[in-house]
Amino acid sequence: MWLFHRDEEPLLLLLAAQDDGTVVLELASLPGGQSSAREFL
């Protein structure tokens, strides 16, 4: 996981490789930081 900021908004990114070979990403933000999350993606 990464704990970082974008435009002063705190964000969290979790990466988990699955047994079937796929990779799951989850990007978490506070309700007011969704714009920063979308820009990151």
Full PDB file with SEQRES, HELIX, SHEET, SSBOND, CRYST1, ORIGX, SCALE, CONECT and MASTER records, all heavy atoms in Angstrom:
SEQRES   1 A   41  MET TRP LEU PHE HIS ARG ASP GLU GLU PRO LEU LEU LEU          
SEQRES   2 A   41  LEU LEU ALA ALA GLN ASP ASP GLY THR VAL VAL LEU GLU          
SEQRES   3 A   41  LEU ALA SER LEU PRO GLY GLY GLN SER SER ALA ARG GLU          
SEQRES   4 A   41  PHE LEU                                                      
HELIX    1 AA1 PRO A   31  GLY A   33  5                                   3    
HELIX    2 AA2 GLN A   34  PHE A   40  1                                   7    
SHEET    1 AA1 3 TRP A   2  ARG A   6  0                                        
SHEET    2 AA1 3 GLU A   9  ALA A  17 -1                                        
SHEET    3 AA1 3 VAL A  23  SER A  29 -1                                        
CRYST1    1.000    1.000    1.000  90.00  90.00  90.00 P 1           1          
ORIGX1      1.000000  0.000000  0.000000        0.00000                         
ORIGX2      0.000000  1.000000  0.000000        0.00000                         
ORIGX3      0.000000  0.000000  1.000000        0.00000                         
SCALE1      1.000000  0.000000  0.000000        0.00000                         
SCALE2      0.000000  1.000000  0.000000        0.00000                         
SCALE3      0.000000  0.000000  1.000000        0.00000                         
ATOM      1  N   MET A   1       0.844  -1.193   0.000  1.00  0.00           N  
ATOM      2  CA  MET A   1       0.000   0.000   0.000  1.00  0.00           C  
ATOM      3  C   MET A   1       0.878   1.241   0.000  1.00  0.00           C  
ATOM      4  O   MET A   1       2.023   1.224   0.457  1.00  0.00           O  
ATOM      5  CB  MET A   1      -0.948   0.013   1.204  1.00  0.00           C  
ATOM      6  CG  MET A   1      -0.315   0.316   2.535  1.00  0.00           C  
ATOM      7  SD  MET A   1      -1.564   0.534   3.839  1.00  0.00           S  
ATOM      8  CE  MET A   1      -0.495   0.907   5.243  1.00  0.00           C  
ATOM      9  N   TRP A   2       0.335   2.303  -0.580  1.00  0.00           N  
ATOM     10  CA  TRP A   2       0.968   3.611  -0.600  1.00  0.00           C  
ATOM     11  C   TRP A   2       0.064   4.592   0.146  1.00  0.00           C  
ATOM     12  O   TRP A   2      -1.161   4.631  -0.094  1.00  0.00           O  
ATOM     13  CB  TRP A   2       1.154   4.120  -2.023  1.00  0.00           C  
ATOM     14  CG  TRP A   2       2.166   3.421  -2.874  1.00  0.00           C  
ATOM     15  CD1 TRP A   2       3.433   3.822  -3.140  1.00  0.00           C  
ATOM     16  CD2 TRP A   2       1.978   2.201  -3.612  1.00  0.00           C  
ATOM     17  NE1 TRP A   2       4.059   2.940  -3.990  1.00  0.00           N  
ATOM     18  CE2 TRP A   2       3.185   1.934  -4.301  1.00  0.00           C  
ATOM     19  CE3 TRP A   2       0.911   1.307  -3.757  1.00  0.00           C  
ATOM     20  CZ2 TRP A   2       3.347   0.813  -5.111  1.00  0.00           C  
ATOM     21  CZ3 TRP A   2       1.078   0.192  -4.560  1.00  0.00           C  
ATOM     22  CH2 TRP A   2       2.279  -0.047  -5.217  1.00  0.00           C  
ATOM     23  N   LEU A   3       0.651   5.387   1.020  1.00  0.00           N  
ATOM     24  CA  LEU A   3      -0.049   6.488   1.680  1.00  0.00           C  
ATOM     25  C   LEU A   3       0.580   7.770   1.153  1.00  0.00           C  
ATOM     26  O   LEU A   3       1.758   8.037   1.384  1.00  0.00           O  
ATOM     27  CB  LEU A   3       0.098   6.396   3.202  1.00  0.00           C  
ATOM     28  CG  LEU A   3      -0.445   5.107   3.842  1.00  0.00           C  
ATOM     29  CD1 LEU A   3      -0.080   5.048   5.317  1.00  0.00           C  
ATOM     30  CD2 LEU A   3      -1.951   5.010   3.653  1.00  0.00           C  
ATOM     31  N   PHE A   4      -0.185   8.584   0.415  1.00  0.00           N  
ATOM     32  CA  PHE A   4       0.384   9.747  -0.255  1.00  0.00           C  
ATOM     33  C   PHE A   4      -0.668  10.843  -0.368  1.00  0.00           C  
ATOM     34  O   PHE A   4      -1.831  10.657   0.013  1.00  0.00           O  
ATOM     35  CB  PHE A   4       0.919   9.361  -1.638  1.00  0.00           C  
ATOM     36  CG  PHE A   4      -0.122   8.811  -2.582  1.00  0.00           C  
ATOM     37  CD1 PHE A   4      -0.639   9.598  -3.599  1.00  0.00           C  
ATOM     38  CD2 PHE A   4      -0.612   7.505  -2.452  1.00  0.00           C  
ATOM     39  CE1 PHE A   4      -1.598   9.103  -4.470  1.00  0.00           C  
ATOM     40  CE2 PHE A   4      -1.558   7.002  -3.320  1.00  0.00           C  
ATOM     41  CZ  PHE A   4      -2.061   7.805  -4.328  1.00  0.00           C  
ATOM     42  N   HIS A   5      -0.257  11.994  -0.892  1.00  0.00           N  
ATOM     43  CA  HIS A   5      -1.159  13.132  -1.070  1.00  0.00           C  
ATOM     44  C   HIS A   5      -1.166  13.573  -2.526  1.00  0.00           C  
ATOM     45  O   HIS A   5      -0.160  13.487  -3.214  1.00  0.00           O  
ATOM     46  CB  HIS A   5      -0.720  14.318  -0.193  1.00  0.00           C  
ATOM     47  CG  HIS A   5      -0.938  14.091   1.270  1.00  0.00           C  
ATOM     48  ND1 HIS A   5      -0.077  13.335   2.033  1.00  0.00           N  
ATOM     49  CD2 HIS A   5      -1.933  14.528   2.111  1.00  0.00           C  
ATOM     50  CE1 HIS A   5      -0.510  13.311   3.291  1.00  0.00           C  
ATOM     51  NE2 HIS A   5      -1.631  14.026   3.352  1.00  0.00           N  
ATOM     52  N   ARG A   6      -2.316  14.033  -2.985  1.00  0.00           N  
ATOM     53  CA  ARG A   6      -2.475  14.692  -4.276  1.00  0.00           C  
ATOM     54  C   ARG A   6      -3.318  15.932  -4.050  1.00  0.00           C  
ATOM     55  O   ARG A   6      -4.438  15.840  -3.538  1.00  0.00           O  
ATOM     56  CB  ARG A   6      -3.162  13.779  -5.304  1.00  0.00           C  
ATOM     57  CG  ARG A   6      -2.281  12.703  -5.896  1.00  0.00           C  
ATOM     58  CD  ARG A   6      -1.187  13.286  -6.795  1.00  0.00           C  
ATOM     59  NE  ARG A   6      -0.404  12.243  -7.467  1.00  0.00           N  
ATOM     60  CZ  ARG A   6       0.656  11.672  -6.949  1.00  0.00           C  
ATOM     61  NH1 ARG A   6       1.070  12.024  -5.734  1.00  0.00           N  
ATOM     62  NH2 ARG A   6       1.326  10.749  -7.618  1.00  0.00           N  
ATOM     63  N   ASP A   7      -2.749  17.099  -4.452  1.00  0.00           N  
ATOM     64  CA  ASP A   7      -3.438  18.374  -4.215  1.00  0.00           C  
ATOM     65  C   ASP A   7      -3.835  18.507  -2.757  1.00  0.00           C  
ATOM     66  O   ASP A   7      -4.960  18.936  -2.419  1.00  0.00           O  
ATOM     67  CB  ASP A   7      -4.676  18.487  -5.119  1.00  0.00           C  
ATOM     68  CG  ASP A   7      -4.329  18.426  -6.594  1.00  0.00           C  
ATOM     69  OD1 ASP A   7      -3.247  18.926  -6.960  1.00  0.00           O  
ATOM     70  OD2 ASP A   7      -5.132  17.875  -7.371  1.00  0.00           O  
ATOM     71  N   GLU A   8      -2.904  18.116  -1.871  1.00  0.00           N  
ATOM     72  CA  GLU A   8      -3.071  18.197  -0.416  1.00  0.00           C  
ATOM     73  C   GLU A   8      -4.161  17.277   0.133  1.00  0.00           C  
ATOM     74  O   GLU A   8      -4.487  17.328   1.315  1.00  0.00           O  
ATOM     75  CB  GLU A   8      -3.352  19.649   0.016  1.00  0.00           C  
ATOM     76  CG  GLU A   8      -2.236  20.607  -0.367  1.00  0.00           C  
ATOM     77  CD  GLU A   8      -2.476  22.009   0.157  1.00  0.00           C  
ATOM     78  OE1 GLU A   8      -3.543  22.232   0.768  1.00  0.00           O  
ATOM     79  OE2 GLU A   8      -1.602  22.861  -0.037  1.00  0.00           O  
ATOM     80  N   GLU A   9      -4.727  16.419  -0.731  1.00  0.00           N  
ATOM     81  CA  GLU A   9      -5.727  15.458  -0.262  1.00  0.00           C  
ATOM     82  C   GLU A   9      -5.035  14.116   0.034  1.00  0.00           C  
ATOM     83  O   GLU A   9      -4.266  13.617  -0.788  1.00  0.00           O  
ATOM     84  CB  GLU A   9      -6.803  15.231  -1.318  1.00  0.00           C  
ATOM     85  CG  GLU A   9      -7.723  16.410  -1.545  1.00  0.00           C  
ATOM     86  CD  GLU A   9      -8.697  16.604  -0.394  1.00  0.00           C  
ATOM     87  OE1 GLU A   9      -8.854  15.658   0.424  1.00  0.00           O  
ATOM     88  OE2 GLU A   9      -9.288  17.690  -0.303  1.00  0.00           O  
ATOM     89  N   PRO A  10      -5.286  13.528   1.211  1.00  0.00           N  
ATOM     90  CA  PRO A  10      -4.687  12.229   1.522  1.00  0.00           C  
ATOM     91  C   PRO A  10      -5.352  11.123   0.707  1.00  0.00           C  
ATOM     92  O   PRO A  10      -6.569  11.072   0.575  1.00  0.00           O  
ATOM     93  CB  PRO A  10      -4.963  12.057   3.020  1.00  0.00           C  
ATOM     94  CG  PRO A  10      -6.196  12.860   3.271  1.00  0.00           C  
ATOM     95  CD  PRO A  10      -6.138  14.034   2.321  1.00  0.00           C  
ATOM     96  N   LEU A  11      -4.529  10.241   0.145  1.00  0.00           N  
ATOM     97  CA  LEU A  11      -5.022   9.107  -0.624  1.00  0.00           C  
ATOM     98  C   LEU A  11      -4.305   7.846  -0.167  1.00  0.00           C  
ATOM     99  O   LEU A  11      -3.179   7.890   0.337  1.00  0.00           O  
ATOM    100  CB  LEU A  11      -4.783   9.309  -2.126  1.00  0.00           C  
ATOM    101  CG  LEU A  11      -5.467  10.499  -2.801  1.00  0.00           C  
ATOM    102  CD1 LEU A  11      -5.006  10.603  -4.250  1.00  0.00           C  
ATOM    103  CD2 LEU A  11      -6.978  10.379  -2.728  1.00  0.00           C  
ATOM    104  N   LEU A  12      -4.947   6.711  -0.388  1.00  0.00           N  
ATOM    105  CA  LEU A  12      -4.375   5.401  -0.081  1.00  0.00           C  
ATOM    106  C   LEU A  12      -4.574   4.503  -1.287  1.00  0.00           C  
ATOM    107  O   LEU A  12      -5.676   4.422  -1.830  1.00  0.00           O  
ATOM    108  CB  LEU A  12      -5.055   4.779   1.140  1.00  0.00           C  
ATOM    109  CG  LEU A  12      -4.610   3.383   1.602  1.00  0.00           C  
ATOM    110  CD1 LEU A  12      -4.939   3.187   3.058  1.00  0.00           C  
ATOM    111  CD2 LEU A  12      -5.266   2.256   0.795  1.00  0.00           C  
ATOM    112  N   LEU A  13      -3.512   3.834  -1.691  1.00  0.00           N  
ATOM    113  CA  LEU A  13      -3.614   2.873  -2.789  1.00  0.00           C  
ATOM    114  C   LEU A  13      -3.179   1.509  -2.279  1.00  0.00           C  
ATOM    115  O   LEU A  13      -2.079   1.370  -1.721  1.00  0.00           O  
ATOM    116  CB  LEU A  13      -2.723   3.285  -3.964  1.00  0.00           C  
ATOM    117  CG  LEU A  13      -2.778   2.362  -5.182  1.00  0.00           C  
ATOM    118  CD1 LEU A  13      -4.138   2.473  -5.874  1.00  0.00           C  
ATOM    119  CD2 LEU A  13      -1.666   2.676  -6.168  1.00  0.00           C  
ATOM    120  N   LEU A  14      -4.028   0.503  -2.461  1.00  0.00           N  
ATOM    121  CA  LEU A  14      -3.701  -0.863  -2.089  1.00  0.00           C  
ATOM    122  C   LEU A  14      -3.586  -1.707  -3.342  1.00  0.00           C  
ATOM    123  O   LEU A  14      -4.472  -1.695  -4.207  1.00  0.00           O  
ATOM    124  CB  LEU A  14      -4.782  -1.454  -1.181  1.00  0.00           C  
ATOM    125  CG  LEU A  14      -4.564  -2.916  -0.768  1.00  0.00           C  
ATOM    126  CD1 LEU A  14      -3.445  -3.022   0.258  1.00  0.00           C  
ATOM    127  CD2 LEU A  14      -5.843  -3.519  -0.203  1.00  0.00           C  
ATOM    128  N   LEU A  15      -2.484  -2.451  -3.488  1.00  0.00           N  
ATOM    129  CA  LEU A  15      -2.266  -3.379  -4.601  1.00  0.00           C  
ATOM    130  C   LEU A  15      -2.208  -4.784  -4.037  1.00  0.00           C  
ATOM    131  O   LEU A  15      -1.480  -5.053  -3.073  1.00  0.00           O  
ATOM    132  CB  LEU A  15      -0.970  -3.043  -5.327  1.00  0.00           C  
ATOM    133  CG  LEU A  15      -0.536  -3.975  -6.465  1.00  0.00           C  
ATOM    134  CD1 LEU A  15       0.254  -3.197  -7.520  1.00  0.00           C  
ATOM    135  CD2 LEU A  15       0.324  -5.149  -5.964  1.00  0.00           C  
ATOM    136  N   ALA A  16      -2.968  -5.684  -4.660  1.00  0.00           N  
ATOM    137  CA  ALA A  16      -2.960  -7.088  -4.230  1.00  0.00           C  
ATOM    138  C   ALA A  16      -3.001  -7.990  -5.457  1.00  0.00           C  
ATOM    139  O   ALA A  16      -3.974  -7.968  -6.217  1.00  0.00           O  
ATOM    140  CB  ALA A  16      -4.142  -7.375  -3.318  1.00  0.00           C  
ATOM    141  N   ALA A  17      -1.929  -8.770  -5.672  1.00  0.00           N  
ATOM    142  CA  ALA A  17      -1.902  -9.749  -6.758  1.00  0.00           C  
ATOM    143  C   ALA A  17      -2.668 -10.990  -6.304  1.00  0.00           C  
ATOM    144  O   ALA A  17      -2.440 -11.506  -5.212  1.00  0.00           O  
ATOM    145  CB  ALA A  17      -0.463 -10.109  -7.114  1.00  0.00           C  
ATOM    146  N   GLN A  18      -3.582 -11.469  -7.150  1.00  0.00           N  
ATOM    147  CA  GLN A  18      -4.437 -12.598  -6.795  1.00  0.00           C  
ATOM    148  C   GLN A  18      -3.844 -13.911  -7.296  1.00  0.00           C  
ATOM    149  O   GLN A  18      -2.974 -13.936  -8.173  1.00  0.00           O  
ATOM    150  CB  GLN A  18      -5.827 -12.398  -7.404  1.00  0.00           C  
ATOM    151  CG  GLN A  18      -6.451 -11.036  -7.082  1.00  0.00           C  
ATOM    152  CD  GLN A  18      -6.666 -10.829  -5.599  1.00  0.00           C  
ATOM    153  OE1 GLN A  18      -7.421 -11.545  -4.969  1.00  0.00           O  
ATOM    154  NE2 GLN A  18      -5.997  -9.827  -5.036  1.00  0.00           N  
ATOM    155  N   ASP A  19      -4.349 -15.011  -6.744  1.00  0.00           N  
ATOM    156  CA  ASP A  19      -3.851 -16.327  -7.133  1.00  0.00           C  
ATOM    157  C   ASP A  19      -4.127 -16.648  -8.600  1.00  0.00           C  
ATOM    158  O   ASP A  19      -3.413 -17.437  -9.215  1.00  0.00           O  
ATOM    159  CB  ASP A  19      -4.474 -17.410  -6.246  1.00  0.00           C  
ATOM    160  CG  ASP A  19      -3.977 -17.334  -4.808  1.00  0.00           C  
ATOM    161  OD1 ASP A  19      -2.898 -16.752  -4.596  1.00  0.00           O  
ATOM    162  OD2 ASP A  19      -4.665 -17.853  -3.909  1.00  0.00           O  
ATOM    163  N   ASP A  20      -5.184 -16.051  -9.163  1.00  0.00           N  
ATOM    164  CA  ASP A  20      -5.506 -16.323 -10.568  1.00  0.00           C  
ATOM    165  C   ASP A  20      -4.723 -15.461 -11.542  1.00  0.00           C  
ATOM    166  O   ASP A  20      -4.958 -15.501 -12.750  1.00  0.00           O  
ATOM    167  CB  ASP A  20      -7.011 -16.152 -10.816  1.00  0.00           C  
ATOM    168  CG  ASP A  20      -7.481 -14.714 -10.585  1.00  0.00           C  
ATOM    169  OD1 ASP A  20      -6.644 -13.860 -10.210  1.00  0.00           O  
ATOM    170  OD2 ASP A  20      -8.683 -14.442 -10.775  1.00  0.00           O  
ATOM    171  N   GLY A  21      -3.781 -14.658 -11.019  1.00  0.00           N  
ATOM    172  CA  GLY A  21      -2.939 -13.826 -11.874  1.00  0.00           C  
ATOM    173  C   GLY A  21      -3.405 -12.396 -12.013  1.00  0.00           C  
ATOM    174  O   GLY A  21      -2.643 -11.536 -12.457  1.00  0.00           O  
ATOM    175  N   THR A  22      -4.653 -12.104 -11.679  1.00  0.00           N  
ATOM    176  CA  THR A  22      -5.151 -10.744 -11.780  1.00  0.00           C  
ATOM    177  C   THR A  22      -4.577  -9.879 -10.667  1.00  0.00           C  
ATOM    178  O   THR A  22      -4.048 -10.385  -9.671  1.00  0.00           O  
ATOM    179  CB  THR A  22      -6.684 -10.707 -11.718  1.00  0.00           C  
ATOM    180  OG1 THR A  22      -7.107 -11.262 -10.456  1.00  0.00           O  
ATOM    181  CG2 THR A  22      -7.294 -11.511 -12.849  1.00  0.00           C  
ATOM    182  N   VAL A  23      -4.685  -8.576 -10.828  1.00  0.00           N  
ATOM    183  CA  VAL A  23      -4.197  -7.623  -9.833  1.00  0.00           C  
ATOM    184  C   VAL A  23      -5.332  -6.681  -9.469  1.00  0.00           C  
ATOM    185  O   VAL A  23      -5.968  -6.094 -10.353  1.00  0.00           O  
ATOM    186  CB  VAL A  23      -2.993  -6.813 -10.355  1.00  0.00           C  
ATOM    187  CG1 VAL A  23      -2.511  -5.837  -9.293  1.00  0.00           C  
ATOM    188  CG2 VAL A  23      -1.858  -7.746 -10.763  1.00  0.00           C  
ATOM    189  N   VAL A  24      -5.589  -6.536  -8.172  1.00  0.00           N  
ATOM    190  CA  VAL A  24      -6.638  -5.640  -7.687  1.00  0.00           C  
ATOM    191  C   VAL A  24      -5.992  -4.369  -7.157  1.00  0.00           C  
ATOM    192  O   VAL A  24      -5.032  -4.422  -6.383  1.00  0.00           O  
ATOM    193  CB  VAL A  24      -7.465  -6.323  -6.576  1.00  0.00           C  
ATOM    194  CG1 VAL A  24      -8.415  -5.319  -5.931  1.00  0.00           C  
ATOM    195  CG2 VAL A  24      -8.242  -7.493  -7.143  1.00  0.00           C  
ATOM    196  N   LEU A  25      -6.516  -3.232  -7.597  1.00  0.00           N  
ATOM    197  CA  LEU A  25      -6.133  -1.928  -7.047  1.00  0.00           C  
ATOM    198  C   LEU A  25      -7.339  -1.312  -6.374  1.00  0.00           C  
ATOM    199  O   LEU A  25      -8.439  -1.318  -6.936  1.00  0.00           O  
ATOM    200  CB  LEU A  25      -5.643  -0.980  -8.146  1.00  0.00           C  
ATOM    201  CG  LEU A  25      -4.246  -1.138  -8.738  1.00  0.00           C  
ATOM    202  CD1 LEU A  25      -3.930   0.049  -9.634  1.00  0.00           C  
ATOM    203  CD2 LEU A  25      -3.182  -1.285  -7.666  1.00  0.00           C  
ATOM    204  N   GLU A  26      -7.132  -0.775  -5.168  1.00  0.00           N  
ATOM    205  CA  GLU A  26      -8.177  -0.026  -4.467  1.00  0.00           C  
ATOM    206  C   GLU A  26      -7.607   1.330  -4.063  1.00  0.00           C  
ATOM    207  O   GLU A  26      -6.564   1.399  -3.409  1.00  0.00           O  
ATOM    208  CB  GLU A  26      -8.658  -0.791  -3.241  1.00  0.00           C  
ATOM    209  CG  GLU A  26      -9.393  -2.078  -3.588  1.00  0.00           C  
ATOM    210  CD  GLU A  26      -9.814  -2.839  -2.351  1.00  0.00           C  
ATOM    211  OE1 GLU A  26      -8.922  -3.453  -1.721  1.00  0.00           O  
ATOM    212  OE2 GLU A  26     -11.006  -2.813  -2.008  1.00  0.00           O  
ATOM    213  N   LEU A  27      -8.282   2.375  -4.480  1.00  0.00           N  
ATOM    214  CA  LEU A  27      -7.844   3.737  -4.196  1.00  0.00           C  
ATOM    215  C   LEU A  27      -8.850   4.372  -3.243  1.00  0.00           C  
ATOM    216  O   LEU A  27     -10.033   4.515  -3.583  1.00  0.00           O  
ATOM    217  CB  LEU A  27      -7.741   4.553  -5.483  1.00  0.00           C  
ATOM    218  CG  LEU A  27      -7.241   5.988  -5.347  1.00  0.00           C  
ATOM    219  CD1 LEU A  27      -5.810   6.024  -4.812  1.00  0.00           C  
ATOM    220  CD2 LEU A  27      -7.315   6.715  -6.680  1.00  0.00           C  
ATOM    221  N   ALA A  28      -8.385   4.739  -2.058  1.00  0.00           N  
ATOM    222  CA  ALA A  28      -9.273   5.274  -1.018  1.00  0.00           C  
ATOM    223  C   ALA A  28      -8.991   6.754  -0.783  1.00  0.00           C  
ATOM    224  O   ALA A  28      -7.849   7.202  -0.826  1.00  0.00           O  
ATOM    225  CB  ALA A  28      -9.098   4.497   0.281  1.00  0.00           C  
ATOM    226  N   SER A  29     -10.058   7.500  -0.526  1.00  0.00           N  
ATOM    227  CA  SER A  29      -9.951   8.926  -0.217  1.00  0.00           C  
ATOM    228  C   SER A  29     -11.060   9.303   0.760  1.00  0.00           C  
ATOM    229  O   SER A  29     -12.008   8.533   0.972  1.00  0.00           O  
ATOM    230  CB  SER A  29     -10.085   9.764  -1.495  1.00  0.00           C  
ATOM    231  OG  SER A  29     -11.388   9.625  -2.040  1.00  0.00           O  
ATOM    232  N   LEU A  30     -10.941  10.489   1.348  1.00  0.00           N  
ATOM    233  CA  LEU A  30     -12.055  11.039   2.115  1.00  0.00           C  
ATOM    234  C   LEU A  30     -13.129  11.496   1.137  1.00  0.00           C  
ATOM    235  O   LEU A  30     -12.839  11.721  -0.051  1.00  0.00           O  
ATOM    236  CB  LEU A  30     -11.571  12.203   2.970  1.00  0.00           C  
ATOM    237  CG  LEU A  30     -10.574  11.837   4.100  1.00  0.00           C  
ATOM    238  CD1 LEU A  30      -9.998  13.096   4.730  1.00  0.00           C  
ATOM    239  CD2 LEU A  30     -11.250  10.955   5.146  1.00  0.00           C  
ATOM    240  N   PRO A  31     -14.375  11.627   1.578  1.00  0.00           N  
ATOM    241  CA  PRO A  31     -15.440  12.026   0.647  1.00  0.00           C  
ATOM    242  C   PRO A  31     -15.111  13.276  -0.157  1.00  0.00           C  
ATOM    243  O   PRO A  31     -15.477  13.386  -1.329  1.00  0.00           O  
ATOM    244  CB  PRO A  31     -16.645  12.240   1.562  1.00  0.00           C  
ATOM    245  CG  PRO A  31     -16.396  11.303   2.709  1.00  0.00           C  
ATOM    246  CD  PRO A  31     -14.915  11.316   2.920  1.00  0.00           C  
ATOM    247  N   GLY A  32     -14.354  14.194   0.397  1.00  0.00           N  
ATOM    248  CA  GLY A  32     -14.023  15.423  -0.315  1.00  0.00           C  
ATOM    249  C   GLY A  32     -12.828  15.296  -1.248  1.00  0.00           C  
ATOM    250  O   GLY A  32     -12.502  16.249  -1.969  1.00  0.00           O  
ATOM    251  N   GLY A  33     -12.176  14.116  -1.258  1.00  0.00           N  
ATOM    252  CA  GLY A  33     -10.972  13.952  -2.077  1.00  0.00           C  
ATOM    253  C   GLY A  33     -11.164  13.098  -3.310  1.00  0.00           C  
ATOM    254  O   GLY A  33     -10.184  12.675  -3.936  1.00  0.00           O  
ATOM    255  N   GLN A  34     -12.400  12.875  -3.708  1.00  0.00           N  
ATOM    256  CA  GLN A  34     -12.641  11.992  -4.853  1.00  0.00           C  
ATOM    257  C   GLN A  34     -12.152  12.580  -6.165  1.00  0.00           C  
ATOM    258  O   GLN A  34     -11.773  11.857  -7.077  1.00  0.00           O  
ATOM    259  CB  GLN A  34     -14.134  11.669  -4.947  1.00  0.00           C  
ATOM    260  CG  GLN A  34     -14.624  10.810  -3.779  1.00  0.00           C  
ATOM    261  CD  GLN A  34     -16.088  10.468  -3.887  1.00  0.00           C  
ATOM    262  OE1 GLN A  34     -16.504   9.810  -4.837  1.00  0.00           O  
ATOM    263  NE2 GLN A  34     -16.872  10.922  -2.922  1.00  0.00           N  
ATOM    264  N   SER A  35     -12.153  13.911  -6.268  1.00  0.00           N  
ATOM    265  CA  SER A  35     -11.647  14.544  -7.481  1.00  0.00           C  
ATOM    266  C   SER A  35     -10.155  14.262  -7.651  1.00  0.00           C  
ATOM    267  O   SER A  35      -9.690  13.939  -8.752  1.00  0.00           O  
ATOM    268  CB  SER A  35     -11.892  16.051  -7.431  1.00  0.00           C  
ATOM    269  OG  SER A  35     -11.312  16.697  -8.546  1.00  0.00           O  
ATOM    270  N   SER A  36      -9.403  14.338  -6.570  1.00  0.00           N  
ATOM    271  CA  SER A  36      -7.975  14.030  -6.611  1.00  0.00           C  
ATOM    272  C   SER A  36      -7.739  12.558  -6.948  1.00  0.00           C  
ATOM    273  O   SER A  36      -6.806  12.210  -7.669  1.00  0.00           O  
ATOM    274  CB  SER A  36      -7.320  14.371  -5.262  1.00  0.00           C  
ATOM    275  OG  SER A  36      -7.401  15.759  -5.004  1.00  0.00           O  
ATOM    276  N   ALA A  37      -8.610  11.687  -6.437  1.00  0.00           N  
ATOM    277  CA  ALA A  37      -8.493  10.258  -6.724  1.00  0.00           C  
ATOM    278  C   ALA A  37      -8.711   9.996  -8.204  1.00  0.00           C  
ATOM    279  O   ALA A  37      -7.981   9.214  -8.831  1.00  0.00           O  
ATOM    280  CB  ALA A  37      -9.499   9.474  -5.879  1.00  0.00           C  
ATOM    281  N   ARG A  38      -9.724  10.644  -8.794  1.00  0.00           N  
ATOM    282  CA  ARG A  38      -9.985  10.436 -10.219  1.00  0.00           C  
ATOM    283  C   ARG A  38      -8.843  10.966 -11.069  1.00  0.00           C  
ATOM    284  O   ARG A  38      -8.488  10.370 -12.094  1.00  0.00           O  
ATOM    285  CB  ARG A  38     -11.312  11.108 -10.600  1.00  0.00           C  
ATOM    286  CG  ARG A  38     -12.540  10.350 -10.104  1.00  0.00           C  
ATOM    287  CD  ARG A  38     -13.801  10.882 -10.755  1.00  0.00           C  
ATOM    288  NE  ARG A  38     -14.074  12.254 -10.337  1.00  0.00           N  
ATOM    289  CZ  ARG A  38     -14.827  12.587  -9.288  1.00  0.00           C  
ATOM    290  NH1 ARG A  38     -15.376  11.632  -8.542  1.00  0.00           N  
ATOM    291  NH2 ARG A  38     -15.035  13.834  -8.982  1.00  0.00           N  
ATOM    292  N   GLU A  39      -8.251  12.084 -10.690  1.00  0.00           N  
ATOM    293  CA  GLU A  39      -7.113  12.626 -11.437  1.00  0.00           C  
ATOM    294  C   GLU A  39      -5.915  11.680 -11.366  1.00  0.00           C  
ATOM    295  O   GLU A  39      -5.187  11.495 -12.355  1.00  0.00           O  
ATOM    296  CB  GLU A  39      -6.729  13.997 -10.887  1.00  0.00           C  
ATOM    297  CG  GLU A  39      -7.743  15.094 -11.220  1.00  0.00           C  
ATOM    298  CD  GLU A  39      -7.323  16.445 -10.656  1.00  0.00           C  
ATOM    299  OE1 GLU A  39      -6.173  16.539 -10.149  1.00  0.00           O  
ATOM    300  OE2 GLU A  39      -8.133  17.385 -10.703  1.00  0.00           O  
ATOM    301  N   PHE A  40      -5.718  11.067 -10.207  1.00  0.00           N  
ATOM    302  CA  PHE A  40      -4.628  10.108 -10.067  1.00  0.00           C  
ATOM    303  C   PHE A  40      -4.844   8.923 -11.004  1.00  0.00           C  
ATOM    304  O   PHE A  40      -3.918   8.487 -11.700  1.00  0.00           O  
ATOM    305  CB  PHE A  40      -4.524   9.619  -8.620  1.00  0.00           C  
ATOM    306  CG  PHE A  40      -3.563   8.471  -8.441  1.00  0.00           C  
ATOM    307  CD1 PHE A  40      -2.199   8.695  -8.335  1.00  0.00           C  
ATOM    308  CD2 PHE A  40      -4.027   7.160  -8.402  1.00  0.00           C  
ATOM    309  CE1 PHE A  40      -1.314   7.637  -8.196  1.00  0.00           C  
ATOM    310  CE2 PHE A  40      -3.150   6.099  -8.266  1.00  0.00           C  
ATOM    311  CZ  PHE A  40      -1.793   6.339  -8.158  1.00  0.00           C  
ATOM    312  N   LEU A  41      -6.050   8.388 -11.052  1.00  0.00           N  
ATOM    313  CA  LEU A  41      -6.342   7.249 -11.917  1.00  0.00           C  
ATOM    314  C   LEU A  41      -6.212   7.618 -13.393  1.00  0.00           C  
ATOM    315  O   LEU A  41      -5.782   6.796 -14.210  1.00  0.00           O  
ATOM    316  CB  LEU A  41      -7.739   6.715 -11.627  1.00  0.00           C  
ATOM    317  CG  LEU A  41      -7.889   5.981 -10.290  1.00  0.00           C  
ATOM    318  CD1 LEU A  41      -9.345   5.600 -10.062  1.00  0.00           C  
ATOM    319  CD2 LEU A  41      -7.002   4.754 -10.233  1.00  0.00           C  
TER     320      LEU A  41                                                      
MASTER        0    0    0    2    3    0    0    6  319    1    0    4          
END                                                                             
